[in-house]
Structure formats: structure tokens, C-alpha cells
Amino acid sequence: TFKELLEKHPVDMHLSTSLKKVCPD
């Protein structure tokens, strides 16, 4: 289901990417 959704709709996917800091915006 998710594969089909990603083929039909653009989603900016960033893999092998680690969260380092959280800011309000």
C-alpha cells in the first residue's frame, strides 16, 4: 500500500539520516 502511495504522490524521503536537533519550526 505504501509503495503504491509513494509511486503516485511525491514524498521527500531521506534514509540513513539521523535527527540531531529539534527547533520550534
PDBML (XML) file of the C-alpha atoms, coordinates in Angstrom:
<?xml version="1.0" encoding="UTF-8" ?>
<PDBx:datablock datablockName="MODEL"
   xmlns:PDBx="http://pdbml.pdb.org/schema/pdbx-v50.xsd"
   xmlns:xsi="http://www.w3.org/2001/XMLSchema-instance"
   xsi:schemaLocation="http://pdbml.pdb.org/schema/pdbx-v50.xsd pdbx-v50.xsd">
   <PDBx:atom_siteCategory>
      <PDBx:atom_site id="1">
         <PDBx:B_iso_or_equiv>0.00</PDBx:B_iso_or_equiv>
         <PDBx:Cartn_x>0.000</PDBx:Cartn_x>
         <PDBx:Cartn_y>0.000</PDBx:Cartn_y>
         <PDBx:Cartn_z>0.000</PDBx:Cartn_z>
         <PDBx:auth_asym_id>A</PDBx:auth_asym_id>
         <PDBx:auth_atom_id>CA</PDBx:auth_atom_id>
         <PDBx:auth_comp_id>THR</PDBx:auth_comp_id>
         <PDBx:auth_seq_id>1</PDBx:auth_seq_id>
         <PDBx:group_PDB>ATOM</PDBx:group_PDB>
         <PDBx:label_alt_id xsi:nil="true" />
         <PDBx:label_asym_id>A</PDBx:label_asym_id>
         <PDBx:label_atom_id>CA</PDBx:label_atom_id>
         <PDBx:label_comp_id>THR</PDBx:label_comp_id>
         <PDBx:label_entity_id>1</PDBx:label_entity_id>
         <PDBx:label_seq_id>1</PDBx:label_seq_id>
         <PDBx:occupancy>1.00</PDBx:occupancy>
         <PDBx:pdbx_PDB_model_num>1</PDBx:pdbx_PDB_model_num>
         <PDBx:type_symbol>C</PDBx:type_symbol>
      </PDBx:atom_site>
      <PDBx:atom_site id="2">
         <PDBx:B_iso_or_equiv>0.00</PDBx:B_iso_or_equiv>
         <PDBx:Cartn_x>2.753</PDBx:Cartn_x>
         <PDBx:Cartn_y>2.445</PDBx:Cartn_y>
         <PDBx:Cartn_z>0.948</PDBx:Cartn_z>
         <PDBx:auth_asym_id>A</PDBx:auth_asym_id>
         <PDBx:auth_atom_id>CA</PDBx:auth_atom_id>
         <PDBx:auth_comp_id>PHE</PDBx:auth_comp_id>
         <PDBx:auth_seq_id>2</PDBx:auth_seq_id>
         <PDBx:group_PDB>ATOM</PDBx:group_PDB>
         <PDBx:label_alt_id xsi:nil="true" />
         <PDBx:label_asym_id>A</PDBx:label_asym_id>
         <PDBx:label_atom_id>CA</PDBx:label_atom_id>
         <PDBx:label_comp_id>PHE</PDBx:label_comp_id>
         <PDBx:label_entity_id>1</PDBx:label_entity_id>
         <PDBx:label_seq_id>2</PDBx:label_seq_id>
         <PDBx:occupancy>1.00</PDBx:occupancy>
         <PDBx:pdbx_PDB_model_num>1</PDBx:pdbx_PDB_model_num>
         <PDBx:type_symbol>C</PDBx:type_symbol>
      </PDBx:atom_site>
      <PDBx:atom_site id="3">
         <PDBx:B_iso_or_equiv>0.00</PDBx:B_iso_or_equiv>
         <PDBx:Cartn_x>4.759</PDBx:Cartn_x>
         <PDBx:Cartn_y>1.555</PDBx:Cartn_y>
         <PDBx:Cartn_z>-2.157</PDBx:Cartn_z>
         <PDBx:auth_asym_id>A</PDBx:auth_asym_id>
         <PDBx:auth_atom_id>CA</PDBx:auth_atom_id>
         <PDBx:auth_comp_id>LYS</PDBx:auth_comp_id>
         <PDBx:auth_seq_id>3</PDBx:auth_seq_id>
         <PDBx:group_PDB>ATOM</PDBx:group_PDB>
         <PDBx:label_alt_id xsi:nil="true" />
         <PDBx:label_asym_id>A</PDBx:label_asym_id>
         <PDBx:label_atom_id>CA</PDBx:label_atom_id>
         <PDBx:label_comp_id>LYS</PDBx:label_comp_id>
         <PDBx:label_entity_id>1</PDBx:label_entity_id>
         <PDBx:label_seq_id>3</PDBx:label_seq_id>
         <PDBx:occupancy>1.00</PDBx:occupancy>
         <PDBx:pdbx_PDB_model_num>1</PDBx:pdbx_PDB_model_num>
         <PDBx:type_symbol>C</PDBx:type_symbol>
      </PDBx:atom_site>
      <PDBx:atom_site id="4">
         <PDBx:B_iso_or_equiv>0.00</PDBx:B_iso_or_equiv>
         <PDBx:Cartn_x>1.761</PDBx:Cartn_x>
         <PDBx:Cartn_y>2.344</PDBx:Cartn_y>
         <PDBx:Cartn_z>-4.362</PDBx:Cartn_z>
         <PDBx:auth_asym_id>A</PDBx:auth_asym_id>
         <PDBx:auth_atom_id>CA</PDBx:auth_atom_id>
         <PDBx:auth_comp_id>GLU</PDBx:auth_comp_id>
         <PDBx:auth_seq_id>4</PDBx:auth_seq_id>
         <PDBx:group_PDB>ATOM</PDBx:group_PDB>
         <PDBx:label_alt_id xsi:nil="true" />
         <PDBx:label_asym_id>A</PDBx:label_asym_id>
         <PDBx:label_atom_id>CA</PDBx:label_atom_id>
         <PDBx:label_comp_id>GLU</PDBx:label_comp_id>
         <PDBx:label_entity_id>1</PDBx:label_entity_id>
         <PDBx:label_seq_id>4</PDBx:label_seq_id>
         <PDBx:occupancy>1.00</PDBx:occupancy>
         <PDBx:pdbx_PDB_model_num>1</PDBx:pdbx_PDB_model_num>
         <PDBx:type_symbol>C</PDBx:type_symbol>
      </PDBx:atom_site>
      <PDBx:atom_site id="5">
         <PDBx:B_iso_or_equiv>0.00</PDBx:B_iso_or_equiv>
         <PDBx:Cartn_x>1.152</PDBx:Cartn_x>
         <PDBx:Cartn_y>5.593</PDBx:Cartn_y>
         <PDBx:Cartn_z>-2.483</PDBx:Cartn_z>
         <PDBx:auth_asym_id>A</PDBx:auth_asym_id>
         <PDBx:auth_atom_id>CA</PDBx:auth_atom_id>
         <PDBx:auth_comp_id>LEU</PDBx:auth_comp_id>
         <PDBx:auth_seq_id>5</PDBx:auth_seq_id>
         <PDBx:group_PDB>ATOM</PDBx:group_PDB>
         <PDBx:label_alt_id xsi:nil="true" />
         <PDBx:label_asym_id>A</PDBx:label_asym_id>
         <PDBx:label_atom_id>CA</PDBx:label_atom_id>
         <PDBx:label_comp_id>LEU</PDBx:label_comp_id>
         <PDBx:label_entity_id>1</PDBx:label_entity_id>
         <PDBx:label_seq_id>5</PDBx:label_seq_id>
         <PDBx:occupancy>1.00</PDBx:occupancy>
         <PDBx:pdbx_PDB_model_num>1</PDBx:pdbx_PDB_model_num>
         <PDBx:type_symbol>C</PDBx:type_symbol>
      </PDBx:atom_site>
      <PDBx:atom_site id="6">
         <PDBx:B_iso_or_equiv>0.00</PDBx:B_iso_or_equiv>
         <PDBx:Cartn_x>4.768</PDBx:Cartn_x>
         <PDBx:Cartn_y>6.706</PDBx:Cartn_y>
         <PDBx:Cartn_z>-2.930</PDBx:Cartn_z>
         <PDBx:auth_asym_id>A</PDBx:auth_asym_id>
         <PDBx:auth_atom_id>CA</PDBx:auth_atom_id>
         <PDBx:auth_comp_id>LEU</PDBx:auth_comp_id>
         <PDBx:auth_seq_id>6</PDBx:auth_seq_id>
         <PDBx:group_PDB>ATOM</PDBx:group_PDB>
         <PDBx:label_alt_id xsi:nil="true" />
         <PDBx:label_asym_id>A</PDBx:label_asym_id>
         <PDBx:label_atom_id>CA</PDBx:label_atom_id>
         <PDBx:label_comp_id>LEU</PDBx:label_comp_id>
         <PDBx:label_entity_id>1</PDBx:label_entity_id>
         <PDBx:label_seq_id>6</PDBx:label_seq_id>
         <PDBx:occupancy>1.00</PDBx:occupancy>
         <PDBx:pdbx_PDB_model_num>1</PDBx:pdbx_PDB_model_num>
         <PDBx:type_symbol>C</PDBx:type_symbol>
      </PDBx:atom_site>
      <PDBx:atom_site id="7">
         <PDBx:B_iso_or_equiv>0.00</PDBx:B_iso_or_equiv>
         <PDBx:Cartn_x>4.585</PDBx:Cartn_x>
         <PDBx:Cartn_y>5.943</PDBx:Cartn_y>
         <PDBx:Cartn_z>-6.646</PDBx:Cartn_z>
         <PDBx:auth_asym_id>A</PDBx:auth_asym_id>
         <PDBx:auth_atom_id>CA</PDBx:auth_atom_id>
         <PDBx:auth_comp_id>GLU</PDBx:auth_comp_id>
         <PDBx:auth_seq_id>7</PDBx:auth_seq_id>
         <PDBx:group_PDB>ATOM</PDBx:group_PDB>
         <PDBx:label_alt_id xsi:nil="true" />
         <PDBx:label_asym_id>A</PDBx:label_asym_id>
         <PDBx:label_atom_id>CA</PDBx:label_atom_id>
         <PDBx:label_comp_id>GLU</PDBx:label_comp_id>
         <PDBx:label_entity_id>1</PDBx:label_entity_id>
         <PDBx:label_seq_id>7</PDBx:label_seq_id>
         <PDBx:occupancy>1.00</PDBx:occupancy>
         <PDBx:pdbx_PDB_model_num>1</PDBx:pdbx_PDB_model_num>
         <PDBx:type_symbol>C</PDBx:type_symbol>
      </PDBx:atom_site>
      <PDBx:atom_site id="8">
         <PDBx:B_iso_or_equiv>0.00</PDBx:B_iso_or_equiv>
         <PDBx:Cartn_x>1.514</PDBx:Cartn_x>
         <PDBx:Cartn_y>8.152</PDBx:Cartn_y>
         <PDBx:Cartn_z>-7.051</PDBx:Cartn_z>
         <PDBx:auth_asym_id>A</PDBx:auth_asym_id>
         <PDBx:auth_atom_id>CA</PDBx:auth_atom_id>
         <PDBx:auth_comp_id>LYS</PDBx:auth_comp_id>
         <PDBx:auth_seq_id>8</PDBx:auth_seq_id>
         <PDBx:group_PDB>ATOM</PDBx:group_PDB>
         <PDBx:label_alt_id xsi:nil="true" />
         <PDBx:label_asym_id>A</PDBx:label_asym_id>
         <PDBx:label_atom_id>CA</PDBx:label_atom_id>
         <PDBx:label_comp_id>LYS</PDBx:label_comp_id>
         <PDBx:label_entity_id>1</PDBx:label_entity_id>
         <PDBx:label_seq_id>8</PDBx:label_seq_id>
         <PDBx:occupancy>1.00</PDBx:occupancy>
         <PDBx:pdbx_PDB_model_num>1</PDBx:pdbx_PDB_model_num>
         <PDBx:type_symbol>C</PDBx:type_symbol>
      </PDBx:atom_site>
      <PDBx:atom_site id="9">
         <PDBx:B_iso_or_equiv>0.00</PDBx:B_iso_or_equiv>
         <PDBx:Cartn_x>2.376</PDBx:Cartn_x>
         <PDBx:Cartn_y>11.014</PDBx:Cartn_y>
         <PDBx:Cartn_z>-4.690</PDBx:Cartn_z>
         <PDBx:auth_asym_id>A</PDBx:auth_asym_id>
         <PDBx:auth_atom_id>CA</PDBx:auth_atom_id>
         <PDBx:auth_comp_id>HIS</PDBx:auth_comp_id>
         <PDBx:auth_seq_id>9</PDBx:auth_seq_id>
         <PDBx:group_PDB>ATOM</PDBx:group_PDB>
         <PDBx:label_alt_id xsi:nil="true" />
         <PDBx:label_asym_id>A</PDBx:label_asym_id>
         <PDBx:label_atom_id>CA</PDBx:label_atom_id>
         <PDBx:label_comp_id>HIS</PDBx:label_comp_id>
         <PDBx:label_entity_id>1</PDBx:label_entity_id>
         <PDBx:label_seq_id>9</PDBx:label_seq_id>
         <PDBx:occupancy>1.00</PDBx:occupancy>
         <PDBx:pdbx_PDB_model_num>1</PDBx:pdbx_PDB_model_num>
         <PDBx:type_symbol>C</PDBx:type_symbol>
      </PDBx:atom_site>
      <PDBx:atom_site id="10">
         <PDBx:B_iso_or_equiv>0.00</PDBx:B_iso_or_equiv>
         <PDBx:Cartn_x>5.697</PDBx:Cartn_x>
         <PDBx:Cartn_y>12.823</PDBx:Cartn_y>
         <PDBx:Cartn_z>-4.236</PDBx:Cartn_z>
         <PDBx:auth_asym_id>A</PDBx:auth_asym_id>
         <PDBx:auth_atom_id>CA</PDBx:auth_atom_id>
         <PDBx:auth_comp_id>PRO</PDBx:auth_comp_id>
         <PDBx:auth_seq_id>10</PDBx:auth_seq_id>
         <PDBx:group_PDB>ATOM</PDBx:group_PDB>
         <PDBx:label_alt_id xsi:nil="true" />
         <PDBx:label_asym_id>A</PDBx:label_asym_id>
         <PDBx:label_atom_id>CA</PDBx:label_atom_id>
         <PDBx:label_comp_id>PRO</PDBx:label_comp_id>
         <PDBx:label_entity_id>1</PDBx:label_entity_id>
         <PDBx:label_seq_id>10</PDBx:label_seq_id>
         <PDBx:occupancy>1.00</PDBx:occupancy>
         <PDBx:pdbx_PDB_model_num>1</PDBx:pdbx_PDB_model_num>
         <PDBx:type_symbol>C</PDBx:type_symbol>
      </PDBx:atom_site>
      <PDBx:atom_site id="11">
         <PDBx:B_iso_or_equiv>0.00</PDBx:B_iso_or_equiv>
         <PDBx:Cartn_x>7.186</PDBx:Cartn_x>
         <PDBx:Cartn_y>12.319</PDBx:Cartn_y>
         <PDBx:Cartn_z>-0.766</PDBx:Cartn_z>
         <PDBx:auth_asym_id>A</PDBx:auth_asym_id>
         <PDBx:auth_atom_id>CA</PDBx:auth_atom_id>
         <PDBx:auth_comp_id>VAL</PDBx:auth_comp_id>
         <PDBx:auth_seq_id>11</PDBx:auth_seq_id>
         <PDBx:group_PDB>ATOM</PDBx:group_PDB>
         <PDBx:label_alt_id xsi:nil="true" />
         <PDBx:label_asym_id>A</PDBx:label_asym_id>
         <PDBx:label_atom_id>CA</PDBx:label_atom_id>
         <PDBx:label_comp_id>VAL</PDBx:label_comp_id>
         <PDBx:label_entity_id>1</PDBx:label_entity_id>
         <PDBx:label_seq_id>11</PDBx:label_seq_id>
         <PDBx:occupancy>1.00</PDBx:occupancy>
         <PDBx:pdbx_PDB_model_num>1</PDBx:pdbx_PDB_model_num>
         <PDBx:type_symbol>C</PDBx:type_symbol>
      </PDBx:atom_site>
      <PDBx:atom_site id="12">
         <PDBx:B_iso_or_equiv>0.00</PDBx:B_iso_or_equiv>
         <PDBx:Cartn_x>10.660</PDBx:Cartn_x>
         <PDBx:Cartn_y>13.603</PDBx:Cartn_y>
         <PDBx:Cartn_z>0.046</PDBx:Cartn_z>
         <PDBx:auth_asym_id>A</PDBx:auth_asym_id>
         <PDBx:auth_atom_id>CA</PDBx:auth_atom_id>
         <PDBx:auth_comp_id>ASP</PDBx:auth_comp_id>
         <PDBx:auth_seq_id>12</PDBx:auth_seq_id>
         <PDBx:group_PDB>ATOM</PDBx:group_PDB>
         <PDBx:label_alt_id xsi:nil="true" />
         <PDBx:label_asym_id>A</PDBx:label_asym_id>
         <PDBx:label_atom_id>CA</PDBx:label_atom_id>
         <PDBx:label_comp_id>ASP</PDBx:label_comp_id>
         <PDBx:label_entity_id>1</PDBx:label_entity_id>
         <PDBx:label_seq_id>12</PDBx:label_seq_id>
         <PDBx:occupancy>1.00</PDBx:occupancy>
         <PDBx:pdbx_PDB_model_num>1</PDBx:pdbx_PDB_model_num>
         <PDBx:type_symbol>C</PDBx:type_symbol>
      </PDBx:atom_site>
      <PDBx:atom_site id="13">
         <PDBx:B_iso_or_equiv>0.00</PDBx:B_iso_or_equiv>
         <PDBx:Cartn_x>12.307</PDBx:Cartn_x>
         <PDBx:Cartn_y>10.558</PDBx:Cartn_y>
         <PDBx:Cartn_z>1.662</PDBx:Cartn_z>
         <PDBx:auth_asym_id>A</PDBx:auth_asym_id>
         <PDBx:auth_atom_id>CA</PDBx:auth_atom_id>
         <PDBx:auth_comp_id>MET</PDBx:auth_comp_id>
         <PDBx:auth_seq_id>13</PDBx:auth_seq_id>
         <PDBx:group_PDB>ATOM</PDBx:group_PDB>
         <PDBx:label_alt_id xsi:nil="true" />
         <PDBx:label_asym_id>A</PDBx:label_asym_id>
         <PDBx:label_atom_id>CA</PDBx:label_atom_id>
         <PDBx:label_comp_id>MET</PDBx:label_comp_id>
         <PDBx:label_entity_id>1</PDBx:label_entity_id>
         <PDBx:label_seq_id>13</PDBx:label_seq_id>
         <PDBx:occupancy>1.00</PDBx:occupancy>
         <PDBx:pdbx_PDB_model_num>1</PDBx:pdbx_PDB_model_num>
         <PDBx:type_symbol>C</PDBx:type_symbol>
      </PDBx:atom_site>
      <PDBx:atom_site id="14">
         <PDBx:B_iso_or_equiv>0.00</PDBx:B_iso_or_equiv>
         <PDBx:Cartn_x>15.640</PDBx:Cartn_x>
         <PDBx:Cartn_y>10.829</PDBx:Cartn_y>
         <PDBx:Cartn_z>3.492</PDBx:Cartn_z>
         <PDBx:auth_asym_id>A</PDBx:auth_asym_id>
         <PDBx:auth_atom_id>CA</PDBx:auth_atom_id>
         <PDBx:auth_comp_id>HIS</PDBx:auth_comp_id>
         <PDBx:auth_seq_id>14</PDBx:auth_seq_id>
         <PDBx:group_PDB>ATOM</PDBx:group_PDB>
         <PDBx:label_alt_id xsi:nil="true" />
         <PDBx:label_asym_id>A</PDBx:label_asym_id>
         <PDBx:label_atom_id>CA</PDBx:label_atom_id>
         <PDBx:label_comp_id>HIS</PDBx:label_comp_id>
         <PDBx:label_entity_id>1</PDBx:label_entity_id>
         <PDBx:label_seq_id>14</PDBx:label_seq_id>
         <PDBx:occupancy>1.00</PDBx:occupancy>
         <PDBx:pdbx_PDB_model_num>1</PDBx:pdbx_PDB_model_num>
         <PDBx:type_symbol>C</PDBx:type_symbol>
      </PDBx:atom_site>
      <PDBx:atom_site id="15">
         <PDBx:B_iso_or_equiv>0.00</PDBx:B_iso_or_equiv>
         <PDBx:Cartn_x>17.014</PDBx:Cartn_x>
         <PDBx:Cartn_y>7.436</PDBx:Cartn_y>
         <PDBx:Cartn_z>4.581</PDBx:Cartn_z>
         <PDBx:auth_asym_id>A</PDBx:auth_asym_id>
         <PDBx:auth_atom_id>CA</PDBx:auth_atom_id>
         <PDBx:auth_comp_id>LEU</PDBx:auth_comp_id>
         <PDBx:auth_seq_id>15</PDBx:auth_seq_id>
         <PDBx:group_PDB>ATOM</PDBx:group_PDB>
         <PDBx:label_alt_id xsi:nil="true" />
         <PDBx:label_asym_id>A</PDBx:label_asym_id>
         <PDBx:label_atom_id>CA</PDBx:label_atom_id>
         <PDBx:label_comp_id>LEU</PDBx:label_comp_id>
         <PDBx:label_entity_id>1</PDBx:label_entity_id>
         <PDBx:label_seq_id>15</PDBx:label_seq_id>
         <PDBx:occupancy>1.00</PDBx:occupancy>
         <PDBx:pdbx_PDB_model_num>1</PDBx:pdbx_PDB_model_num>
         <PDBx:type_symbol>C</PDBx:type_symbol>
      </PDBx:atom_site>
      <PDBx:atom_site id="16">
         <PDBx:B_iso_or_equiv>0.00</PDBx:B_iso_or_equiv>
         <PDBx:Cartn_x>20.184</PDBx:Cartn_x>
         <PDBx:Cartn_y>6.792</PDBx:Cartn_y>
         <PDBx:Cartn_z>6.631</PDBx:Cartn_z>
         <PDBx:auth_asym_id>A</PDBx:auth_asym_id>
         <PDBx:auth_atom_id>CA</PDBx:auth_atom_id>
         <PDBx:auth_comp_id>SER</PDBx:auth_comp_id>
         <PDBx:auth_seq_id>16</PDBx:auth_seq_id>
         <PDBx:group_PDB>ATOM</PDBx:group_PDB>
         <PDBx:label_alt_id xsi:nil="true" />
         <PDBx:label_asym_id>A</PDBx:label_asym_id>
         <PDBx:label_atom_id>CA</PDBx:label_atom_id>
         <PDBx:label_comp_id>SER</PDBx:label_comp_id>
         <PDBx:label_entity_id>1</PDBx:label_entity_id>
         <PDBx:label_seq_id>16</PDBx:label_seq_id>
         <PDBx:occupancy>1.00</PDBx:occupancy>
         <PDBx:pdbx_PDB_model_num>1</PDBx:pdbx_PDB_model_num>
         <PDBx:type_symbol>C</PDBx:type_symbol>
      </PDBx:atom_site>
      <PDBx:atom_site id="17">
         <PDBx:B_iso_or_equiv>0.00</PDBx:B_iso_or_equiv>
         <PDBx:Cartn_x>19.557</PDBx:Cartn_x>
         <PDBx:Cartn_y>10.225</PDBx:Cartn_y>
         <PDBx:Cartn_z>8.140</PDBx:Cartn_z>
         <PDBx:auth_asym_id>A</PDBx:auth_asym_id>
         <PDBx:auth_atom_id>CA</PDBx:auth_atom_id>
         <PDBx:auth_comp_id>THR</PDBx:auth_comp_id>
         <PDBx:auth_seq_id>17</PDBx:auth_seq_id>
         <PDBx:group_PDB>ATOM</PDBx:group_PDB>
         <PDBx:label_alt_id xsi:nil="true" />
         <PDBx:label_asym_id>A</PDBx:label_asym_id>
         <PDBx:label_atom_id>CA</PDBx:label_atom_id>
         <PDBx:label_comp_id>THR</PDBx:label_comp_id>
         <PDBx:label_entity_id>1</PDBx:label_entity_id>
         <PDBx:label_seq_id>17</PDBx:label_seq_id>
         <PDBx:occupancy>1.00</PDBx:occupancy>
         <PDBx:pdbx_PDB_model_num>1</PDBx:pdbx_PDB_model_num>
         <PDBx:type_symbol>C</PDBx:type_symbol>
      </PDBx:atom_site>
      <PDBx:atom_site id="18">
         <PDBx:B_iso_or_equiv>0.00</PDBx:B_iso_or_equiv>
         <PDBx:Cartn_x>19.731</PDBx:Cartn_x>
         <PDBx:Cartn_y>10.866</PDBx:Cartn_y>
         <PDBx:Cartn_z>11.904</PDBx:Cartn_z>
         <PDBx:auth_asym_id>A</PDBx:auth_asym_id>
         <PDBx:auth_atom_id>CA</PDBx:auth_atom_id>
         <PDBx:auth_comp_id>SER</PDBx:auth_comp_id>
         <PDBx:auth_seq_id>18</PDBx:auth_seq_id>
         <PDBx:group_PDB>ATOM</PDBx:group_PDB>
         <PDBx:label_alt_id xsi:nil="true" />
         <PDBx:label_asym_id>A</PDBx:label_asym_id>
         <PDBx:label_atom_id>CA</PDBx:label_atom_id>
         <PDBx:label_comp_id>SER</PDBx:label_comp_id>
         <PDBx:label_entity_id>1</PDBx:label_entity_id>
         <PDBx:label_seq_id>18</PDBx:label_seq_id>
         <PDBx:occupancy>1.00</PDBx:occupancy>
         <PDBx:pdbx_PDB_model_num>1</PDBx:pdbx_PDB_model_num>
         <PDBx:type_symbol>C</PDBx:type_symbol>
      </PDBx:atom_site>
      <PDBx:atom_site id="19">
         <PDBx:B_iso_or_equiv>0.00</PDBx:B_iso_or_equiv>
         <PDBx:Cartn_x>17.919</PDBx:Cartn_x>
         <PDBx:Cartn_y>13.540</PDBx:Cartn_y>
         <PDBx:Cartn_z>13.888</PDBx:Cartn_z>
         <PDBx:auth_asym_id>A</PDBx:auth_asym_id>
         <PDBx:auth_atom_id>CA</PDBx:auth_atom_id>
         <PDBx:auth_comp_id>LEU</PDBx:auth_comp_id>
         <PDBx:auth_seq_id>19</PDBx:auth_seq_id>
         <PDBx:group_PDB>ATOM</PDBx:group_PDB>
         <PDBx:label_alt_id xsi:nil="true" />
         <PDBx:label_asym_id>A</PDBx:label_asym_id>
         <PDBx:label_atom_id>CA</PDBx:label_atom_id>
         <PDBx:label_comp_id>LEU</PDBx:label_comp_id>
         <PDBx:label_entity_id>1</PDBx:label_entity_id>
         <PDBx:label_seq_id>19</PDBx:label_seq_id>
         <PDBx:occupancy>1.00</PDBx:occupancy>
         <PDBx:pdbx_PDB_model_num>1</PDBx:pdbx_PDB_model_num>
         <PDBx:type_symbol>C</PDBx:type_symbol>
      </PDBx:atom_site>
      <PDBx:atom_site id="20">
         <PDBx:B_iso_or_equiv>0.00</PDBx:B_iso_or_equiv>
         <PDBx:Cartn_x>20.387</PDBx:Cartn_x>
         <PDBx:Cartn_y>15.776</PDBx:Cartn_y>
         <PDBx:Cartn_z>15.707</PDBx:Cartn_z>
         <PDBx:auth_asym_id>A</PDBx:auth_asym_id>
         <PDBx:auth_atom_id>CA</PDBx:auth_atom_id>
         <PDBx:auth_comp_id>LYS</PDBx:auth_comp_id>
         <PDBx:auth_seq_id>20</PDBx:auth_seq_id>
         <PDBx:group_PDB>ATOM</PDBx:group_PDB>
         <PDBx:label_alt_id xsi:nil="true" />
         <PDBx:label_asym_id>A</PDBx:label_asym_id>
         <PDBx:label_atom_id>CA</PDBx:label_atom_id>
         <PDBx:label_comp_id>LYS</PDBx:label_comp_id>
         <PDBx:label_entity_id>1</PDBx:label_entity_id>
         <PDBx:label_seq_id>20</PDBx:label_seq_id>
         <PDBx:occupancy>1.00</PDBx:occupancy>
         <PDBx:pdbx_PDB_model_num>1</PDBx:pdbx_PDB_model_num>
         <PDBx:type_symbol>C</PDBx:type_symbol>
      </PDBx:atom_site>
      <PDBx:atom_site id="21">
         <PDBx:B_iso_or_equiv>0.00</PDBx:B_iso_or_equiv>
         <PDBx:Cartn_x>18.412</PDBx:Cartn_x>
         <PDBx:Cartn_y>18.761</PDBx:Cartn_y>
         <PDBx:Cartn_z>16.987</PDBx:Cartn_z>
         <PDBx:auth_asym_id>A</PDBx:auth_asym_id>
         <PDBx:auth_atom_id>CA</PDBx:auth_atom_id>
         <PDBx:auth_comp_id>LYS</PDBx:auth_comp_id>
         <PDBx:auth_seq_id>21</PDBx:auth_seq_id>
         <PDBx:group_PDB>ATOM</PDBx:group_PDB>
         <PDBx:label_alt_id xsi:nil="true" />
         <PDBx:label_asym_id>A</PDBx:label_asym_id>
         <PDBx:label_atom_id>CA</PDBx:label_atom_id>
         <PDBx:label_comp_id>LYS</PDBx:label_comp_id>
         <PDBx:label_entity_id>1</PDBx:label_entity_id>
         <PDBx:label_seq_id>21</PDBx:label_seq_id>
         <PDBx:occupancy>1.00</PDBx:occupancy>
         <PDBx:pdbx_PDB_model_num>1</PDBx:pdbx_PDB_model_num>
         <PDBx:type_symbol>C</PDBx:type_symbol>
      </PDBx:atom_site>
      <PDBx:atom_site id="22">
         <PDBx:B_iso_or_equiv>0.00</PDBx:B_iso_or_equiv>
         <PDBx:Cartn_x>14.788</PDBx:Cartn_x>
         <PDBx:Cartn_y>19.840</PDBx:Cartn_y>
         <PDBx:Cartn_z>17.358</PDBx:Cartn_z>
         <PDBx:auth_asym_id>A</PDBx:auth_asym_id>
         <PDBx:auth_atom_id>CA</PDBx:auth_atom_id>
         <PDBx:auth_comp_id>VAL</PDBx:auth_comp_id>
         <PDBx:auth_seq_id>22</PDBx:auth_seq_id>
         <PDBx:group_PDB>ATOM</PDBx:group_PDB>
         <PDBx:label_alt_id xsi:nil="true" />
         <PDBx:label_asym_id>A</PDBx:label_asym_id>
         <PDBx:label_atom_id>CA</PDBx:label_atom_id>
         <PDBx:label_comp_id>VAL</PDBx:label_comp_id>
         <PDBx:label_entity_id>1</PDBx:label_entity_id>
         <PDBx:label_seq_id>22</PDBx:label_seq_id>
         <PDBx:occupancy>1.00</PDBx:occupancy>
         <PDBx:pdbx_PDB_model_num>1</PDBx:pdbx_PDB_model_num>
         <PDBx:type_symbol>C</PDBx:type_symbol>
      </PDBx:atom_site>
      <PDBx:atom_site id="23">
         <PDBx:B_iso_or_equiv>0.00</PDBx:B_iso_or_equiv>
         <PDBx:Cartn_x>13.834</PDBx:Cartn_x>
         <PDBx:Cartn_y>23.510</PDBx:Cartn_y>
         <PDBx:Cartn_z>16.949</PDBx:Cartn_z>
         <PDBx:auth_asym_id>A</PDBx:auth_asym_id>
         <PDBx:auth_atom_id>CA</PDBx:auth_atom_id>
         <PDBx:auth_comp_id>CYS</PDBx:auth_comp_id>
         <PDBx:auth_seq_id>23</PDBx:auth_seq_id>
         <PDBx:group_PDB>ATOM</PDBx:group_PDB>
         <PDBx:label_alt_id xsi:nil="true" />
         <PDBx:label_asym_id>A</PDBx:label_asym_id>
         <PDBx:label_atom_id>CA</PDBx:label_atom_id>
         <PDBx:label_comp_id>CYS</PDBx:label_comp_id>
         <PDBx:label_entity_id>1</PDBx:label_entity_id>
         <PDBx:label_seq_id>23</PDBx:label_seq_id>
         <PDBx:occupancy>1.00</PDBx:occupancy>
         <PDBx:pdbx_PDB_model_num>1</PDBx:pdbx_PDB_model_num>
         <PDBx:type_symbol>C</PDBx:type_symbol>
      </PDBx:atom_site>
      <PDBx:atom_site id="24">
         <PDBx:B_iso_or_equiv>0.00</PDBx:B_iso_or_equiv>
         <PDBx:Cartn_x>10.350</PDBx:Cartn_x>
         <PDBx:Cartn_y>25.055</PDBx:Cartn_y>
         <PDBx:Cartn_z>17.174</PDBx:Cartn_z>
         <PDBx:auth_asym_id>A</PDBx:auth_asym_id>
         <PDBx:auth_atom_id>CA</PDBx:auth_atom_id>
         <PDBx:auth_comp_id>PRO</PDBx:auth_comp_id>
         <PDBx:auth_seq_id>24</PDBx:auth_seq_id>
         <PDBx:group_PDB>ATOM</PDBx:group_PDB>
         <PDBx:label_alt_id xsi:nil="true" />
         <PDBx:label_asym_id>A</PDBx:label_asym_id>
         <PDBx:label_atom_id>CA</PDBx:label_atom_id>
         <PDBx:label_comp_id>PRO</PDBx:label_comp_id>
         <PDBx:label_entity_id>1</PDBx:label_entity_id>
         <PDBx:label_seq_id>24</PDBx:label_seq_id>
         <PDBx:occupancy>1.00</PDBx:occupancy>
         <PDBx:pdbx_PDB_model_num>1</PDBx:pdbx_PDB_model_num>
         <PDBx:type_symbol>C</PDBx:type_symbol>
      </PDBx:atom_site>
      <PDBx:atom_site id="25">
         <PDBx:B_iso_or_equiv>0.00</PDBx:B_iso_or_equiv>
         <PDBx:Cartn_x>9.992</PDBx:Cartn_x>
         <PDBx:Cartn_y>25.300</PDBx:Cartn_y>
         <PDBx:Cartn_z>13.388</PDBx:Cartn_z>
         <PDBx:auth_asym_id>A</PDBx:auth_asym_id>
         <PDBx:auth_atom_id>CA</PDBx:auth_atom_id>
         <PDBx:auth_comp_id>ASP</PDBx:auth_comp_id>
         <PDBx:auth_seq_id>25</PDBx:auth_seq_id>
         <PDBx:group_PDB>ATOM</PDBx:group_PDB>
         <PDBx:label_alt_id xsi:nil="true" />
         <PDBx:label_asym_id>A</PDBx:label_asym_id>
         <PDBx:label_atom_id>CA</PDBx:label_atom_id>
         <PDBx:label_comp_id>ASP</PDBx:label_comp_id>
         <PDBx:label_entity_id>1</PDBx:label_entity_id>
         <PDBx:label_seq_id>25</PDBx:label_seq_id>
         <PDBx:occupancy>1.00</PDBx:occupancy>
         <PDBx:pdbx_PDB_model_num>1</PDBx:pdbx_PDB_model_num>
         <PDBx:type_symbol>C</PDBx:type_symbol>
      </PDBx:atom_site>
   </PDBx:atom_siteCategory>
</PDBx:datablock>
